[in-house]
Amino acid sequence: VPLAEYEGRLVVLYMTDEDEVHIPVNMSVRCMFVSLDRAGGKVCGTIHWSGILATVPFSFRLLHCLAVSD
């Protein structure tokens, strides 16, 4: 799972199958923006946004994740 930092939040990219009659045809590239905070001895997370970025063929592989800033 590629991870990056964007505007002080953790960005998580992950892929999910989209089946047609139980045969994977496409995959969705999904993203989550998460803030992490300490609460006593624990680390807690808040998901600020989650959604689909793109739909790609099942053979697609995500190799690298790069955060770019101005």
C-alpha atoms as a PDB file:
ATOM      1  CA  VAL A   1       0.000   0.000   0.000  1.00  0.00           C
ATOM      2  CA  PRO A   2       1.692   3.241  -1.109  1.00  0.00           C
ATOM      3  CA  LEU A   3       1.725   5.972   1.544  1.00  0.00           C
ATOM      4  CA  ALA A   4       2.574   9.655   1.280  1.00  0.00           C
ATOM      5  CA  GLU A   5       2.161  12.873   3.271  1.00  0.00           C
ATOM      6  CA  TYR A   6       0.007  15.688   1.902  1.00  0.00           C
ATOM      7  CA  GLU A   7      -0.826  18.895   3.812  1.00  0.00           C
ATOM      8  CA  GLY A   8       0.103  17.228   7.099  1.00  0.00           C
ATOM      9  CA  ARG A   9      -2.151  14.221   6.503  1.00  0.00           C
ATOM     10  CA  LEU A  10      -1.358  10.641   5.669  1.00  0.00           C
ATOM     11  CA  VAL A  11      -2.428   9.629   2.149  1.00  0.00           C
ATOM     12  CA  VAL A  12      -3.149   5.934   1.622  1.00  0.00           C
ATOM     13  CA  LEU A  13      -3.577   4.534  -1.908  1.00  0.00           C
ATOM     14  CA  TYR A  14      -4.996   1.052  -2.380  1.00  0.00           C
ATOM     15  CA  MET A  15      -6.635  -1.047  -5.083  1.00  0.00           C
ATOM     16  CA  THR A  16      -9.893  -3.031  -5.057  1.00  0.00           C
ATOM     17  CA  ASP A  17     -11.298  -5.511  -7.596  1.00  0.00           C
ATOM     18  CA  GLU A  18     -14.421  -4.806  -9.610  1.00  0.00           C
ATOM     19  CA  ASP A  19     -15.910  -8.176 -10.482  1.00  0.00           C
ATOM     20  CA  GLU A  20     -18.209  -9.168 -13.299  1.00  0.00           C
ATOM     21  CA  VAL A  21     -19.801 -12.487 -12.298  1.00  0.00           C
ATOM     22  CA  HIS A  22     -16.899 -13.193  -9.886  1.00  0.00           C
ATOM     23  CA  ILE A  23     -14.214 -12.574 -12.543  1.00  0.00           C
ATOM     24  CA  PRO A  24     -11.962  -9.532 -11.867  1.00  0.00           C
ATOM     25  CA  VAL A  25     -12.125  -7.222 -14.900  1.00  0.00           C
ATOM     26  CA  ASN A  26     -11.170  -3.790 -13.597  1.00  0.00           C
ATOM     27  CA  MET A  27      -9.643  -2.372 -10.442  1.00  0.00           C
ATOM     28  CA  SER A  28     -10.428   0.834  -8.618  1.00  0.00           C
ATOM     29  CA  VAL A  29      -7.560   2.998  -7.365  1.00  0.00           C
ATOM     30  CA  ARG A  30      -8.822   4.358  -4.056  1.00  0.00           C
ATOM     31  CA  CYS A  31      -7.429   7.032  -1.769  1.00  0.00           C
ATOM     32  CA  MET A  32      -7.873   8.040   1.891  1.00  0.00           C
ATOM     33  CA  PHE A  33      -6.717  11.219   3.659  1.00  0.00           C
ATOM     34  CA  VAL A  34      -6.081  10.425   7.330  1.00  0.00           C
ATOM     35  CA  SER A  35      -5.023  12.591  10.289  1.00  0.00           C
ATOM     36  CA  LEU A  36      -3.218  10.787  13.111  1.00  0.00           C
ATOM     37  CA  ASP A  37      -3.327  11.958  16.734  1.00  0.00           C
ATOM     38  CA  ARG A  38      -2.071  10.615  20.045  1.00  0.00           C
ATOM     39  CA  ALA A  39      -4.674   9.886  22.696  1.00  0.00           C
ATOM     40  CA  GLY A  40      -2.885   8.799  25.847  1.00  0.00           C
ATOM     41  CA  GLY A  41      -0.805   5.772  24.882  1.00  0.00           C
ATOM     42  CA  LYS A  42      -2.749   5.149  21.660  1.00  0.00           C
ATOM     43  CA  VAL A  43      -2.607   6.526  18.124  1.00  0.00           C
ATOM     44  CA  CYS A  44      -6.024   7.400  16.687  1.00  0.00           C
ATOM     45  CA  GLY A  45      -6.889   8.249  13.095  1.00  0.00           C
ATOM     46  CA  THR A  46      -9.609  10.347  11.492  1.00  0.00           C
ATOM     47  CA  ILE A  47     -10.508   9.777   7.831  1.00  0.00           C
ATOM     48  CA  HIS A  48     -11.169  13.186   6.239  1.00  0.00           C
ATOM     49  CA  TRP A  49     -11.878  11.933   2.715  1.00  0.00           C
ATOM     50  CA  SER A  50     -12.066   8.597   0.959  1.00  0.00           C
ATOM     51  CA  GLY A  51     -12.969   7.864  -2.638  1.00  0.00           C
ATOM     52  CA  ILE A  52     -12.140   6.368  -6.023  1.00  0.00           C
ATOM     53  CA  LEU A  53      -9.431   8.163  -8.020  1.00  0.00           C
ATOM     54  CA  ALA A  54      -9.514   6.006 -11.160  1.00  0.00           C
ATOM     55  CA  THR A  55     -10.659   2.736 -12.671  1.00  0.00           C
ATOM     56  CA  VAL A  56      -7.918   0.752 -14.399  1.00  0.00           C
ATOM     57  CA  PRO A  57      -7.568  -2.654 -16.135  1.00  0.00           C
ATOM     58  CA  PHE A  58      -7.071  -5.632 -13.808  1.00  0.00           C
ATOM     59  CA  SER A  59      -3.466  -6.043 -15.061  1.00  0.00           C
ATOM     60  CA  PHE A  60      -2.520  -2.539 -13.762  1.00  0.00           C
ATOM     61  CA  ARG A  61       0.065  -2.391 -10.952  1.00  0.00           C
ATOM     62  CA  LEU A  62       0.790   0.661  -8.780  1.00  0.00           C
ATOM     63  CA  LEU A  63       4.571   0.769  -8.336  1.00  0.00           C
ATOM     64  CA  HIS A  64       5.463   4.119  -6.752  1.00  0.00           C
ATOM     65  CA  CYS A  65       3.788   6.982  -4.970  1.00  0.00           C
ATOM     66  CA  LEU A  66       5.303  10.471  -5.020  1.00  0.00           C
ATOM     67  CA  ALA A  67       4.045  13.583  -3.229  1.00  0.00           C
ATOM     68  CA  VAL A  68       4.735  16.761  -5.229  1.00  0.00           C
ATOM     69  CA  SER A  69       4.568  20.267  -3.800  1.00  0.00           C
ATOM     70  CA  ASP A  70       5.034  23.807  -5.119  1.00  0.00           C
END
